[in-house]
Protein backbone atom coordinates (compact mmCIF):
# COMPACT_ATOMS: atom_id res chain seq x y z
CA MET A 1 21.82 13.59 -1.38
CA THR A 2 25.41 12.48 -1.95
CA GLY A 3 26.31 9.26 -0.20
CA TYR A 4 22.72 8.47 0.82
CA THR A 5 20.20 6.00 -0.49
CA GLY A 6 16.62 5.67 0.57
CA SER A 7 13.08 4.51 0.09
CA PHE A 8 9.71 6.18 -0.42
CA VAL A 9 6.15 5.01 0.13
CA LYS A 10 3.29 7.00 -1.36
CA ARG A 11 0.01 7.46 0.43
CA THR A 12 -2.81 5.25 -0.78
CA GLY A 13 -5.63 6.83 -2.76
CA ASN A 14 -4.93 9.73 -5.12
CA LYS A 15 -2.46 11.60 -2.91
CA GLN A 16 1.11 12.04 -4.14
CA ASP A 17 2.86 12.66 -0.82
CA GLY A 18 4.08 10.00 1.57
CA CYS A 19 7.05 9.03 3.75
CA ALA A 20 10.74 8.75 2.79
CA THR A 21 13.75 7.50 4.76
CA PHE A 22 17.40 7.88 3.73
CA PHE A 23 20.57 6.35 5.18
CA LYS A 24 24.32 6.45 4.45
CA LYS A 25 25.36 3.60 2.15
CA LEU A 26 28.86 3.48 3.64
CA LEU A 27 27.55 2.92 7.15
CA PHE A 28 24.46 0.71 6.80
CA GLU A 29 22.99 -2.10 4.78
CA CYS A 30 19.21 -2.38 4.51
CA GLU A 31 18.10 -5.91 5.42
CA ALA A 32 14.38 -5.24 5.07
CA GLU A 33 12.07 -2.52 3.78
CA VAL A 34 8.43 -2.58 4.90
CA PRO A 35 5.90 -0.09 3.50
CA VAL A 36 2.90 0.18 5.83
CA THR A 37 -0.54 1.23 4.62
CA TYR A 38 -2.97 2.08 7.41
CA PHE A 39 -6.01 1.48 5.22
CA VAL A 40 -7.75 -1.80 6.10
CA PRO A 41 -11.08 -2.64 4.41
CA CYS A 42 -14.06 -3.07 6.74
CA VAL A 43 -12.24 -1.52 9.72
CA ALA A 44 -13.70 1.93 10.42
CA PRO A 45 -10.76 3.41 12.41
CA LEU A 46 -8.39 2.23 9.66
CA ASP A 47 -10.13 3.78 6.66
CA ARG A 48 -7.63 6.56 5.90
CA ASP A 49 -4.81 6.85 3.37
CA ASN A 50 -1.91 7.55 5.74
CA VAL A 51 1.22 5.42 5.54
CA ALA A 52 4.48 4.54 7.28
CA LEU A 53 7.84 3.19 6.17
CA LEU A 54 10.03 0.76 8.15
CA LEU A 55 13.67 -0.08 7.44
CA LEU A 56 15.77 -2.69 9.23
CA LEU A 57 19.37 -1.49 9.00
CA ARG A 58 22.56 -3.35 9.82
CA PRO A 59 25.78 -1.39 10.40
CA LYS A 60 28.64 -2.28 8.10
CA LEU A 61 31.40 -3.63 10.34
CA PRO A 62 34.93 -4.71 9.42
CA ALA A 63 34.96 -8.53 9.69
CA PRO A 64 32.02 -8.73 12.13
CA SER A 65 31.59 -11.75 14.33
CA ALA A 66 28.43 -13.85 14.12
CA ALA A 67 27.17 -12.37 17.41
CA GLN A 68 27.73 -8.82 16.16
CA THR A 69 25.90 -9.55 12.92
CA ARG A 70 22.86 -10.78 14.84
CA ALA A 71 22.78 -7.99 17.40
CA ALA A 72 23.76 -4.88 15.48
CA LYS A 73 20.51 -4.00 13.77
CA LEU A 74 18.38 -0.89 13.93
CA CYS A 75 14.69 -0.54 13.04
CA VAL A 76 13.80 2.93 11.72
CA ALA A 77 10.11 3.78 11.43
CA ASN A 78 8.87 6.93 9.71
CA THR A 79 5.19 7.90 9.61
CA HIS A 80 2.63 10.64 9.14
CA LEU A 81 -0.56 10.05 11.12
CA LEU A 82 -3.99 11.49 10.35
CA PHE A 83 -4.33 15.22 11.02
CA ASN A 84 -8.06 15.45 11.89
CA PRO A 85 -8.01 16.63 15.54
CA GLY A 86 -11.40 15.06 16.24
CA ARG A 87 -10.47 11.53 15.20
CA GLY A 88 -8.28 10.31 18.03
CA ASP A 89 -9.68 6.82 17.43
CA VAL A 90 -8.14 6.77 13.95
CA LYS A 91 -4.76 7.99 15.24
CA LEU A 92 -4.84 5.34 17.97
CA ALA A 93 -5.59 2.56 15.48
CA GLN A 94 -2.80 3.80 13.21
CA LEU A 95 -0.36 3.80 16.14
CA MET A 96 -1.34 0.25 17.08
CA LYS A 97 -0.83 -0.95 13.50
CA LEU A 98 2.53 0.83 13.35
CA PHE A 99 3.65 -0.84 16.59
CA ALA A 100 2.46 -4.22 15.29
CA GLU A 101 4.58 -3.76 12.17
CA ILE A 102 7.60 -2.74 14.27
CA ASP A 103 7.06 -5.74 16.55
CA GLN A 104 7.00 -8.06 13.55
CA LEU A 105 10.12 -6.59 11.93
CA ALA A 106 12.30 -5.92 14.98
CA TYR A 107 11.40 -8.97 17.09
CA GLN A 108 14.27 -11.02 18.54
CA PRO A 109 13.38 -14.59 19.57
CA CYS A 110 14.27 -15.30 23.19
CA PRO A 111 15.17 -18.74 24.60
CA ALA A 112 12.77 -18.07 27.47
CA GLY A 113 9.81 -18.07 25.10
CA PRO A 114 7.63 -15.76 22.98
CA ARG A 115 6.03 -14.07 26.00
CA HIS A 116 9.33 -12.22 26.34
CA GLN A 117 9.06 -9.07 24.24
CA ASN A 118 12.55 -8.47 22.83
CA HIS A 119 13.30 -6.22 19.89
CA TYR A 120 16.22 -4.70 18.10
CA PRO A 121 16.64 -1.00 18.93
CA VAL A 122 13.95 1.17 17.37
CA LEU A 123 13.67 4.76 16.17
CA VAL A 124 10.14 6.08 15.54
CA CYS A 125 10.04 9.41 13.72
CA GLY A 126 7.36 11.50 12.11
CA ASP A 127 4.45 13.88 12.25
CA MET A 128 2.16 12.19 14.79
CA ASN A 129 -0.46 14.98 14.89
CA LEU A 130 -0.78 14.65 18.66
CA LEU A 131 0.38 16.93 21.44
CA PRO A 132 2.77 16.16 24.32
CA PHE A 133 1.09 14.70 27.42
CA SER A 134 -2.15 13.94 25.58
CA LYS A 135 -3.75 10.51 25.95
CA LEU A 136 -2.15 9.27 22.75
CA TYR A 137 1.25 10.60 23.81
CA GLN A 138 0.85 8.75 27.10
CA PHE A 139 0.14 5.56 25.16
CA VAL A 140 3.34 5.96 23.14
CA ARG A 141 5.53 6.78 26.15
CA SER A 142 4.09 4.61 28.94
CA GLY A 143 2.89 1.72 26.79
CA TYR A 144 -0.60 1.72 28.36
CA LEU A 145 -3.99 3.17 27.60
CA VAL A 146 -7.29 2.28 29.23
CA LEU A 147 -10.34 2.85 27.04
CA ASN A 148 -13.19 3.89 29.29
CA GLY A 149 -15.37 5.77 26.84
CA LYS A 150 -12.95 8.64 26.20
CA PRO A 151 -14.20 11.04 23.50
CA ALA A 152 -12.20 10.60 20.31
CA SER A 153 -11.90 14.37 19.99
CA LYS A 154 -9.98 14.65 23.26
CA MET A 155 -7.34 11.98 22.73
CA SER A 156 -4.78 13.89 20.66
CA GLY A 157 -4.81 17.10 22.72
CA GLN A 158 -5.56 19.24 19.68
CA GLN A 159 -9.16 20.04 20.59
CA ASP A 160 -8.16 23.32 22.25
CA ASN A 161 -6.72 24.61 18.97
CA TRP A 162 -9.54 23.52 16.66
CA SER A 163 -13.23 24.26 17.11
CA ARG A 164 -14.55 21.23 15.28
CA GLY A 165 -15.03 18.01 17.21
CA TYR A 166 -16.04 14.40 16.90
CA ASN A 167 -18.27 13.35 19.79
CA HIS A 168 -17.94 9.60 19.33
CA SER A 169 -16.59 7.73 22.38
CA VAL A 170 -13.76 5.23 21.94
CA THR A 171 -14.94 1.92 23.38
CA ALA A 172 -13.07 -1.30 24.11
CA ASP A 173 -14.13 -2.89 20.83
CA PHE A 174 -13.45 0.16 18.65
CA LEU A 175 -11.25 -1.84 16.26
CA GLY A 176 -13.99 -4.35 15.45
CA LYS A 177 -13.40 -7.96 14.42
CA HIS A 178 -11.38 -7.61 11.22
CA SER A 179 -8.35 -5.47 12.10
CA GLY A 180 -6.12 -8.44 12.95
CA LEU A 181 -4.67 -6.45 15.87
CA THR A 182 -4.47 -7.50 19.51
CA ASP A 183 -4.86 -5.19 22.50
CA GLN A 184 -1.09 -5.52 22.88
CA SER A 185 -0.48 -3.81 19.50
CA GLN A 186 0.62 -7.00 17.79
CA TYR A 187 -0.81 -9.00 14.92
CA VAL A 188 -3.00 -11.93 15.94
CA SER A 189 -1.39 -14.11 13.26
CA VAL A 190 2.12 -13.25 14.45
CA CYS A 191 1.29 -14.12 18.07
CA GLN A 192 -0.22 -17.44 17.02
CA GLN A 193 2.80 -18.31 14.91
CA ARG A 194 5.30 -17.49 17.66
CA PHE A 195 3.52 -19.60 20.24
CA SER A 196 2.87 -22.50 17.89
CA MET A 197 6.61 -22.65 17.14
CA PHE A 198 7.55 -22.67 20.84
CA GLY A 199 7.09 -26.07 22.41
CA GLY A 200 3.81 -26.86 20.70
CA ALA A 201 1.81 -25.31 23.55
CA SER A 202 -1.91 -26.05 23.68
CA CYS A 203 -3.86 -22.83 23.11
CA THR A 204 -7.48 -21.92 23.77
CA SER A 205 -9.26 -19.04 22.00
CA VAL A 206 -12.05 -17.17 23.72
CA GLY A 207 -14.78 -14.80 22.56
CA GLU A 208 -16.36 -13.67 19.30
CA GLY A 209 -13.31 -11.76 18.18
CA ALA A 210 -10.97 -14.72 18.72
CA PRO A 211 -9.35 -16.37 15.73
CA CYS A 212 -10.65 -19.90 16.33
CA ALA A 213 -13.46 -21.73 18.09
CA SER A 214 -14.05 -21.35 21.82
CA SER A 215 -13.35 -24.13 24.26
CA PRO A 216 -16.35 -25.51 26.23
CA GLN A 217 -14.32 -25.25 29.46
CA VAL A 218 -14.00 -21.45 29.18
CA GLU A 219 -16.42 -19.31 31.15
CA ALA A 220 -18.70 -16.99 29.18
CA GLU A 221 -17.40 -13.85 30.89
CA SER A 222 -13.77 -14.56 29.96
CA VAL A 223 -11.95 -11.84 28.08
CA PRO A 224 -11.65 -12.55 24.32
CA GLY A 225 -8.17 -13.63 23.32
CA MET A 226 -5.87 -16.63 23.24
CA TYR A 227 -4.68 -18.47 26.34
CA ILE A 228 -2.14 -21.19 27.07
CA GLY A 229 -4.19 -24.12 28.35
CA SER A 230 -7.27 -22.26 29.61
CA ALA A 231 -8.65 -18.81 30.37
CA GLU A 232 -7.43 -19.16 33.97
CA GLU A 233 -3.88 -18.74 32.67
CA LYS A 234 -2.22 -15.53 31.48
CA PRO A 235 -3.40 -14.73 27.95
CA ILE A 236 -1.05 -14.71 25.02
CA TYR A 237 -3.03 -11.76 23.77
CA THR A 238 -6.45 -10.19 24.32
CA LEU A 239 -9.06 -8.66 22.03
CA GLY A 240 -11.45 -5.87 22.99
CA SER A 241 -10.45 -5.85 26.67
CA GLY A 242 -10.34 -2.05 26.84
CA VAL A 243 -6.72 -2.13 28.08
CA LEU A 244 -4.23 -1.36 25.31
CA SER A 245 -0.46 -1.71 25.49
CA HIS A 246 2.76 -2.09 23.56
CA ALA A 247 6.15 -3.45 24.60
CA LEU A 248 8.58 -1.13 22.80
CA GLY A 249 9.56 0.98 25.82
CA LEU A 250 9.90 4.23 23.87
CA GLU A 251 11.57 7.39 25.15
CA SER A 252 11.35 10.85 23.59
CA VAL A 253 14.42 12.67 22.28
CA TYR A 254 12.82 15.97 23.23
CA SER A 255 11.45 17.01 26.62
CA HIS A 256 8.99 19.50 25.01
CA PHE A 257 10.21 22.33 27.25
CA ILE A 258 13.19 24.67 26.99
CA GLY A 259 15.25 25.87 29.92
CA PRO A 260 16.54 24.74 33.30
CA ARG A 261 14.73 22.39 35.66
CA GLY A 262 14.30 22.74 39.40
CA SER A 263 14.91 20.10 42.05
CA GLN A 264 13.79 16.56 41.17
CA ASN A 265 13.54 17.60 37.50
CA GLN A 266 10.53 19.80 38.23
CA LEU A 267 9.59 22.43 35.65
CA LEU A 268 10.06 26.00 36.72
CA HIS A 269 7.31 28.61 36.46
CA ASN A 270 6.61 29.73 32.90
CA THR A 271 9.12 27.34 31.35
CA PRO A 272 8.99 27.93 27.56
CA ARG A 273 7.51 25.16 25.45
CA GLU A 274 9.17 23.69 22.38
CA VAL A 275 7.25 23.82 19.12
CA THR A 276 7.65 21.97 15.85
CA THR A 277 4.99 23.73 13.79
CA CYS A 278 3.30 27.12 13.64
CA HIS A 279 0.53 27.65 11.11
CA GLY A 280 -3.14 28.50 11.24
CA ASN A 281 -4.36 27.96 14.81
CA ALA A 282 -1.45 25.66 15.73
CA ASN A 283 1.71 26.70 17.57
CA CYS A 284 2.75 23.47 19.22
CA THR A 285 4.63 20.17 19.03
CA VAL A 286 3.26 17.45 16.74
CA ASP A 287 6.54 15.97 15.42
CA TYR A 288 8.63 13.50 17.40
CA ILE A 289 11.65 11.24 17.53
CA PHE A 290 11.11 8.31 19.88
CA TYR A 291 13.75 5.68 20.60
CA THR A 292 14.40 2.59 22.68
CA PRO A 293 17.21 2.91 25.25
CA SER A 294 19.34 0.05 26.59
CA LEU A 295 17.74 -3.38 26.62
CA SER A 296 19.23 -4.13 30.03
CA ALA A 297 17.74 -0.90 31.37
CA LEU A 298 14.32 -1.98 30.11
CA SER A 299 14.62 -5.55 31.46
CA HIS A 300 12.44 -7.03 28.74
CA SER A 301 10.43 -10.13 29.52
CA ASP A 302 6.99 -11.31 30.45
CA MET A 303 4.13 -8.88 29.91
CA HIS A 304 1.63 -8.69 32.76
CA PHE A 305 -1.55 -9.40 30.82
CA GLY A 306 -4.69 -11.07 32.06
CA TYR A 307 -5.99 -10.30 35.50
CA SER A 308 -3.39 -7.70 36.46
CA TRP A 309 -5.50 -5.08 34.71
CA THR A 310 -6.58 -3.33 37.91
CA ALA A 311 -3.00 -2.38 38.64
CA MET A 312 -2.49 -1.41 35.02
CA THR A 313 -5.56 0.82 35.14
CA ASN A 314 -4.28 2.61 38.23
CA SER A 315 -0.89 3.15 36.62
CA THR A 316 -2.39 4.97 33.65
CA LYS A 317 -3.95 7.87 35.53
CA LEU A 318 -1.69 10.45 33.93
CA ALA A 319 -2.08 14.11 33.09
CA ASN A 320 -4.49 14.55 30.19
CA LYS A 321 -4.11 18.21 29.45
CA ALA A 322 -2.47 19.17 26.18
CA ALA A 323 0.69 21.26 25.90
CA SER A 324 -0.26 24.05 23.52
CA HIS A 325 -0.25 27.82 23.62
CA THR A 326 -4.04 28.01 23.94
CA ALA A 327 -4.51 25.09 26.33
CA VAL A 328 -5.16 25.31 30.05
CA SER A 329 -1.85 25.57 31.90
CA LEU A 330 -0.15 22.31 32.82
CA SER A 331 1.12 22.05 36.35
CA SER A 332 4.69 20.91 36.97
CA SER A 333 3.43 17.91 38.90
CA ASP A 334 1.17 16.82 36.03
CA ILE A 335 4.01 16.87 33.53
CA SER A 336 6.46 15.20 35.89
CA ASN A 337 3.96 12.39 36.44
CA VAL A 338 4.00 11.68 32.72
CA LEU A 339 7.76 12.03 32.26
CA GLN A 340 8.51 9.83 35.28
CA GLN A 341 5.84 7.23 34.48
CA PRO A 342 7.45 3.79 34.16
CA SER A 343 7.29 2.29 30.70
CA VAL A 344 5.58 -1.01 29.98
CA SER A 345 8.97 -2.67 30.16
CA SER A 346 9.39 -1.84 33.86
CA MET A 347 6.82 -4.54 34.60
CA MET A 348 9.11 -7.22 33.17
CA THR A 349 11.85 -9.52 34.46
CA PRO A 350 15.16 -10.06 32.64
CA CYS A 351 15.78 -12.71 30.01
CA HIS A 352 18.90 -13.72 28.13
CA VAL A 353 19.23 -12.06 24.73
CA ALA A 354 21.94 -10.06 23.01
CA ASP A 355 22.10 -6.66 24.75
CA TYR A 356 22.18 -3.35 22.94
CA ARG A 357 22.49 0.27 23.93
CA LEU A 358 21.01 3.09 21.88
CA THR A 359 22.36 6.17 23.64
CA LEU A 360 21.19 9.69 22.87
CA LEU A 361 24.29 11.85 22.45
CA ALA A 362 22.89 15.16 21.16
CA ARG A 363 19.80 16.79 19.71
CA LEU A 364 19.05 19.89 17.68
CA GLN A 365 17.47 22.57 19.86
CA LEU A 366 13.93 23.49 18.87
CA LEU A 367 12.48 26.99 19.05
CA SER A 368 10.07 28.12 21.72
CA THR A 369 6.53 29.33 21.10
CA LYS A 370 7.65 32.92 21.63
CA GLN A 371 10.58 32.61 19.22
CA VAL A 372 8.45 31.12 16.47
CA LYS A 373 5.77 33.77 16.93
CA SER A 374 8.35 36.53 16.60
CA ALA A 375 9.60 35.00 13.32
CA GLY A 376 6.09 34.64 11.94
CA ARG A 377 3.92 31.73 10.91
CA LEU A 378 5.54 28.93 8.96
CA PRO A 379 6.65 28.85 6.23
CA ASN A 380 8.32 32.25 6.18
CA ARG A 381 11.43 33.95 4.80
CA PHE A 382 13.61 32.17 7.38
CA ILE A 383 12.11 28.67 7.28
CA SER A 384 10.80 27.16 4.05
CA SER A 385 8.57 24.49 5.64
CA ASP A 386 5.56 24.64 7.92
CA HIS A 387 7.41 22.28 10.30
CA LEU A 388 10.77 22.70 12.03
CA ILE A 389 13.64 20.22 11.69
CA LEU A 390 14.12 17.63 14.43
CA ALA A 391 17.56 15.99 14.59
CA ALA A 392 19.36 13.74 17.04
CA LYS A 393 22.69 11.88 17.30
CA PHE A 394 22.82 8.38 18.78
CA GLN A 395 25.46 5.81 19.62
CA LEU A 396 24.59 2.18 18.94
CA THR A 397 26.59 -0.36 20.93
CA TYR A 398 26.04 -4.01 21.68
CA ASP A 399 27.42 -6.84 23.83
């Protein structure tokens, strides 16, 4: 492609496909390129060959100031998650590892301390192999997921389209001891490093899955993780708590429905659904562009970990029906509950970092289920791929 440069990461194993990201050389410089392999030895939910690719881009500005150079960066993540509809546990683990990589690459240190989750603006694109308003979609959009023995086969929303299933339940400790991931979708080592560099705080690790020895002052029933001072304080991170989160505050470019809305953004009766693929038994959305809006709108700061989990559990009771042509009908109230659900960042208080605004200006309209059916399964004589194109235009500004 003329004027573009890019990067490619091949899937692990003997597969030749992978993920590629391209950008205009006249507009951006690539400060970092991070290939992500989801395969981790000895971690059952991370035993597949899927990959992701992260780029940290800096706009080329005429004589930029020092503040502009620091603030004007964009993290672009591109991934292809596992297809298997029955293995929602694998998709969840891959999402958590992806978010941990994004957190590590796009993190902005804040003077208020490392509990404040601040990141450069983020775009997350790819074939996620999960349906809108499924449990995994809720995790991406709201930043929360409570593991209470949910069947792995029901987490992606695809079980209505595919007869095969995986009856294993996803428990709090599904990642095991060797993934290196916290319940907050961060790397244990990264959390430890950030807190050790901030004021030399005294930390206590708790539980079998913790990275260092337990303190004798910690009660046996304490949640595994790392705490400042003692387990009575808010944890830096937790392990195997059953309450998962991330702090990216992602929004979706697409609403997954086509047509006008009623009062209070309610869906009207028989509102057509958008689709991104139509092949075999699937006629649904599995591809997405997620992005982070304005930092000031998100009010990034202190995550409510620890013993606020009861409130977090109540806030995650969202619609769990999948949006697909064969699924049980979704009510307007169910969908609105998901779309209006506050992100993880709404539970934060402001801190002082360079502000940015990633504003969605336009998007390419997708086809509806009816339109795709009338054209025929993909690929066909009109569309050469088995997936439709998703495209969006953004404006990146900063203060």
